[in-house]
Amino acid sequence: MSVSPRESDDRGATAVEYALMVTFVALAIIAGVTAFGISVGKLFTIPAGVLGP
């Protein structure tokens, strides 16, 4: 069973595509966590200002 040159080229392209997908998913997760963290930070800042001296 031999591998044609076309099949070996597809494997390299597939690796690049997976790397791009992982990068975009990671960026989306980072953006979501950052936005959520900012919202949670604001949520706790208001009661701390009311309860503080």
PDB file of N, CA and C in Angstrom:
ATOM      1  N   MET A   1       0.852  -1.165   0.000  1.00  0.00           N
ATOM      2  CA  MET A   1       0.000   0.000   0.000  1.00  0.00           C
ATOM      3  C   MET A   1       0.902   1.233   0.000  1.00  0.00           C
ATOM      4  N   SER A   2       0.855   1.970  -1.065  1.00  0.00           N
ATOM      5  CA  SER A   2       1.702   3.156  -1.173  1.00  0.00           C
ATOM      6  C   SER A   2       0.866   4.413  -0.985  1.00  0.00           C
ATOM      7  N   VAL A   3       1.545   5.458  -0.566  1.00  0.00           N
ATOM      8  CA  VAL A   3       0.875   6.741  -0.342  1.00  0.00           C
ATOM      9  C   VAL A   3       1.195   7.647  -1.516  1.00  0.00           C
ATOM     10  N   SER A   4       0.163   8.166  -2.127  1.00  0.00           N
ATOM     11  CA  SER A   4       0.384   9.061  -3.255  1.00  0.00           C
ATOM     12  C   SER A   4       0.833  10.427  -2.737  1.00  0.00           C
ATOM     13  N   PRO A   5       1.529  11.205  -3.567  1.00  0.00           N
ATOM     14  CA  PRO A   5       1.970  12.540  -3.128  1.00  0.00           C
ATOM     15  C   PRO A   5       0.812  13.438  -2.701  1.00  0.00           C
ATOM     16  N   ARG A   6      -0.337  13.262  -3.315  1.00  0.00           N
ATOM     17  CA  ARG A   6      -1.502  14.083  -2.965  1.00  0.00           C
ATOM     18  C   ARG A   6      -1.929  13.833  -1.521  1.00  0.00           C
ATOM     19  N   GLU A   7      -1.937  12.564  -1.086  1.00  0.00           N
ATOM     20  CA  GLU A   7      -2.352  12.230   0.271  1.00  0.00           C
ATOM     21  C   GLU A   7      -1.394  12.811   1.305  1.00  0.00           C
ATOM     22  N   SER A   8      -0.106  12.812   1.048  1.00  0.00           N
ATOM     23  CA  SER A   8       0.844  13.352   2.017  1.00  0.00           C
ATOM     24  C   SER A   8       0.719  14.871   2.106  1.00  0.00           C
ATOM     25  N   ASP A   9       0.379  15.535   0.988  1.00  0.00           N
ATOM     26  CA  ASP A   9       0.172  16.977   1.018  1.00  0.00           C
ATOM     27  C   ASP A   9      -1.070  17.329   1.828  1.00  0.00           C
ATOM     28  N   ASP A  10      -2.112  16.517   1.755  1.00  0.00           N
ATOM     29  CA  ASP A  10      -3.342  16.769   2.496  1.00  0.00           C
ATOM     30  C   ASP A  10      -3.109  16.701   3.999  1.00  0.00           C
ATOM     31  N   ARG A  11      -2.221  15.826   4.425  1.00  0.00           N
ATOM     32  CA  ARG A  11      -1.982  15.705   5.863  1.00  0.00           C
ATOM     33  C   ARG A  11      -1.361  16.982   6.412  1.00  0.00           C
ATOM     34  N   GLY A  12      -0.465  17.597   5.672  1.00  0.00           N
ATOM     35  CA  GLY A  12       0.133  18.852   6.120  1.00  0.00           C
ATOM     36  C   GLY A  12      -0.887  19.968   6.171  1.00  0.00           C
ATOM     37  N   ALA A  13      -1.756  20.020   5.176  1.00  0.00           N
ATOM     38  CA  ALA A  13      -2.801  21.050   5.141  1.00  0.00           C
ATOM     39  C   ALA A  13      -3.777  20.839   6.285  1.00  0.00           C
ATOM     40  N   THR A  14      -4.087  19.596   6.579  1.00  0.00           N
ATOM     41  CA  THR A  14      -5.013  19.302   7.669  1.00  0.00           C
ATOM     42  C   THR A  14      -4.425  19.748   9.001  1.00  0.00           C
ATOM     43  N   ALA A  15      -3.140  19.550   9.202  1.00  0.00           N
ATOM     44  CA  ALA A  15      -2.503  19.975  10.446  1.00  0.00           C
ATOM     45  C   ALA A  15      -2.579  21.495  10.599  1.00  0.00           C
ATOM     46  N   VAL A  16      -2.390  22.216   9.512  1.00  0.00           N
ATOM     47  CA  VAL A  16      -2.489  23.679   9.558  1.00  0.00           C
ATOM     48  C   VAL A  16      -3.917  24.096   9.866  1.00  0.00           C
ATOM     49  N   GLU A  17      -4.886  23.436   9.266  1.00  0.00           N
ATOM     50  CA  GLU A  17      -6.294  23.765   9.517  1.00  0.00           C
ATOM     51  C   GLU A  17      -6.657  23.518  10.978  1.00  0.00           C
ATOM     52  N   TYR A  18      -6.205  22.405  11.531  1.00  0.00           N
ATOM     53  CA  TYR A  18      -6.481  22.127  12.940  1.00  0.00           C
ATOM     54  C   TYR A  18      -5.807  23.157  13.839  1.00  0.00           C
ATOM     55  N   ALA A  19      -4.603  23.558  13.506  1.00  0.00           N
ATOM     56  CA  ALA A  19      -3.896  24.572  14.301  1.00  0.00           C
ATOM     57  C   ALA A  19      -4.663  25.897  14.273  1.00  0.00           C
ATOM     58  N   LEU A  20      -5.180  26.276  13.111  1.00  0.00           N
ATOM     59  CA  LEU A  20      -5.972  27.504  13.018  1.00  0.00           C
ATOM     60  C   LEU A  20      -7.259  27.404  13.828  1.00  0.00           C
ATOM     61  N   MET A  21      -7.929  26.254  13.765  1.00  0.00           N
ATOM     62  CA  MET A  21      -9.163  26.083  14.533  1.00  0.00           C
ATOM     63  C   MET A  21      -8.881  26.162  16.030  1.00  0.00           C
ATOM     64  N   VAL A  22      -7.822  25.523  16.481  1.00  0.00           N
ATOM     65  CA  VAL A  22      -7.474  25.558  17.900  1.00  0.00           C
ATOM     66  C   VAL A  22      -7.159  26.985  18.325  1.00  0.00           C
ATOM     67  N   THR A  23      -6.472  27.734  17.470  1.00  0.00           N
ATOM     68  CA  THR A  23      -6.144  29.123  17.781  1.00  0.00           C
ATOM     69  C   THR A  23      -7.402  29.966  17.921  1.00  0.00           C
ATOM     70  N   PHE A  24      -8.337  29.827  16.992  1.00  0.00           N
ATOM     71  CA  PHE A  24      -9.574  30.607  17.050  1.00  0.00           C
ATOM     72  C   PHE A  24     -10.425  30.220  18.260  1.00  0.00           C
ATOM     73  N   VAL A  25     -10.479  28.949  18.587  1.00  0.00           N
ATOM     74  CA  VAL A  25     -11.234  28.513  19.758  1.00  0.00           C
ATOM     75  C   VAL A  25     -10.597  29.072  21.026  1.00  0.00           C
ATOM     76  N   ALA A  26      -9.273  29.041  21.101  1.00  0.00           N
ATOM     77  CA  ALA A  26      -8.580  29.583  22.269  1.00  0.00           C
ATOM     78  C   ALA A  26      -8.832  31.076  22.412  1.00  0.00           C
ATOM     79  N   LEU A  27      -8.798  31.809  21.305  1.00  0.00           N
ATOM     80  CA  LEU A  27      -9.076  33.242  21.360  1.00  0.00           C
ATOM     81  C   LEU A  27     -10.510  33.522  21.812  1.00  0.00           C
ATOM     82  N   ALA A  28     -11.450  32.727  21.341  1.00  0.00           N
ATOM     83  CA  ALA A  28     -12.843  32.902  21.744  1.00  0.00           C
ATOM     84  C   ALA A  28     -13.006  32.622  23.240  1.00  0.00           C
ATOM     85  N   ILE A  29     -12.343  31.604  23.740  1.00  0.00           N
ATOM     86  CA  ILE A  29     -12.415  31.282  25.165  1.00  0.00           C
ATOM     87  C   ILE A  29     -11.799  32.403  25.992  1.00  0.00           C
ATOM     88  N   ILE A  30     -10.649  32.901  25.571  1.00  0.00           N
ATOM     89  CA  ILE A  30      -9.984  33.988  26.292  1.00  0.00           C
ATOM     90  C   ILE A  30     -10.866  35.231  26.321  1.00  0.00           C
ATOM     91  N   ALA A  31     -11.478  35.568  25.189  1.00  0.00           N
ATOM     92  CA  ALA A  31     -12.360  36.738  25.137  1.00  0.00           C
ATOM     93  C   ALA A  31     -13.569  36.553  26.047  1.00  0.00           C
ATOM     94  N   GLY A  32     -14.153  35.375  26.046  1.00  0.00           N
ATOM     95  CA  GLY A  32     -15.309  35.107  26.896  1.00  0.00           C
ATOM     96  C   GLY A  32     -14.969  35.153  28.374  1.00  0.00           C
ATOM     97  N   VAL A  33     -13.866  34.554  28.748  1.00  0.00           N
ATOM     98  CA  VAL A  33     -13.458  34.557  30.152  1.00  0.00           C
ATOM     99  C   VAL A  33     -13.116  35.971  30.608  1.00  0.00           C
ATOM    100  N   THR A  34     -12.476  36.742  29.743  1.00  0.00           N
ATOM    101  CA  THR A  34     -12.145  38.122  30.095  1.00  0.00           C
ATOM    102  C   THR A  34     -13.410  38.946  30.303  1.00  0.00           C
ATOM    103  N   ALA A  35     -14.363  38.838  29.398  1.00  0.00           N
ATOM    104  CA  ALA A  35     -15.613  39.586  29.526  1.00  0.00           C
ATOM    105  C   ALA A  35     -16.372  39.158  30.785  1.00  0.00           C
ATOM    106  N   PHE A  36     -16.411  37.877  31.038  1.00  0.00           N
ATOM    107  CA  PHE A  36     -17.095  37.366  32.226  1.00  0.00           C
ATOM    108  C   PHE A  36     -16.393  37.843  33.494  1.00  0.00           C
ATOM    109  N   GLY A  37     -15.076  37.834  33.488  1.00  0.00           N
ATOM    110  CA  GLY A  37     -14.320  38.280  34.651  1.00  0.00           C
ATOM    111  C   GLY A  37     -14.537  39.749  34.955  1.00  0.00           C
ATOM    112  N   ILE A  38     -14.600  40.565  33.931  1.00  0.00           N
ATOM    113  CA  ILE A  38     -14.857  41.999  34.134  1.00  0.00           C
ATOM    114  C   ILE A  38     -16.245  42.206  34.723  1.00  0.00           C
ATOM    115  N   SER A  39     -17.236  41.476  34.211  1.00  0.00           N
ATOM    116  CA  SER A  39     -18.607  41.600  34.723  1.00  0.00           C
ATOM    117  C   SER A  39     -18.689  41.161  36.180  1.00  0.00           C
ATOM    118  N   VAL A  40     -18.036  40.069  36.523  1.00  0.00           N
ATOM    119  CA  VAL A  40     -18.061  39.583  37.893  1.00  0.00           C
ATOM    120  C   VAL A  40     -17.327  40.563  38.805  1.00  0.00           C
ATOM    121  N   GLY A  41     -16.242  41.137  38.324  1.00  0.00           N
ATOM    122  CA  GLY A  41     -15.512  42.129  39.115  1.00  0.00           C
ATOM    123  C   GLY A  41     -16.369  43.335  39.442  1.00  0.00           C
ATOM    124  N   LYS A  42     -17.136  43.809  38.469  1.00  0.00           N
ATOM    125  CA  LYS A  42     -18.037  44.939  38.704  1.00  0.00           C
ATOM    126  C   LYS A  42     -19.163  44.556  39.658  1.00  0.00           C
ATOM    127  N   LEU A  43     -19.616  43.328  39.565  1.00  0.00           N
ATOM    128  CA  LEU A  43     -20.693  42.855  40.424  1.00  0.00           C
ATOM    129  C   LEU A  43     -20.285  42.913  41.894  1.00  0.00           C
ATOM    130  N   PHE A  44     -19.045  42.566  42.195  1.00  0.00           N
ATOM    131  CA  PHE A  44     -18.587  42.564  43.583  1.00  0.00           C
ATOM    132  C   PHE A  44     -18.039  43.923  44.025  1.00  0.00           C
ATOM    133  N   THR A  45     -17.740  44.818  43.114  1.00  0.00           N
ATOM    134  CA  THR A  45     -17.226  46.129  43.484  1.00  0.00           C
ATOM    135  C   THR A  45     -18.320  46.989  44.104  1.00  0.00           C
ATOM    136  N   ILE A  46     -19.510  46.924  43.597  1.00  0.00           N
ATOM    137  CA  ILE A  46     -20.618  47.751  44.099  1.00  0.00           C
ATOM    138  C   ILE A  46     -20.948  47.403  45.559  1.00  0.00           C
ATOM    139  N   PRO A  47     -21.187  46.119  45.914  1.00  0.00           N
ATOM    140  CA  PRO A  47     -21.465  45.827  47.336  1.00  0.00           C
ATOM    141  C   PRO A  47     -20.277  46.158  48.247  1.00  0.00           C
ATOM    142  N   ALA A  48     -19.064  45.998  47.768  1.00  0.00           N
ATOM    143  CA  ALA A  48     -17.906  46.315  48.601  1.00  0.00           C
ATOM    144  C   ALA A  48     -17.851  47.797  48.895  1.00  0.00           C
ATOM    145  N   GLY A  49     -18.247  48.638  47.946  1.00  0.00           N
ATOM    146  CA  GLY A  49     -18.277  50.084  48.174  1.00  0.00           C
ATOM    147  C   GLY A  49     -19.362  50.484  49.169  1.00  0.00           C
ATOM    148  N   VAL A  50     -20.460  49.771  49.154  1.00  0.00           N
ATOM    149  CA  VAL A  50     -21.569  50.086  50.065  1.00  0.00           C
ATOM    150  C   VAL A  50     -21.225  49.643  51.478  1.00  0.00           C
ATOM    151  N   LEU A  51     -20.612  48.489  51.617  1.00  0.00           N
ATOM    152  CA  LEU A  51     -20.313  47.925  52.933  1.00  0.00           C
ATOM    153  C   LEU A  51     -19.025  48.489  53.544  1.00  0.00           C
ATOM    154  N   GLY A  52     -18.153  49.037  52.723  1.00  0.00           N
ATOM    155  CA  GLY A  52     -16.867  49.533  53.221  1.00  0.00           C
ATOM    156  C   GLY A  52     -17.016  50.830  53.996  1.00  0.00           C
ATOM    157  N   PRO A  53     -15.927  51.234  54.668  1.00  0.00           N
ATOM    158  CA  PRO A  53     -15.974  52.466  55.469  1.00  0.00           C
ATOM    159  C   PRO A  53     -16.075  53.719  54.638  1.00  0.00           C
TER     160      PRO A  53
END
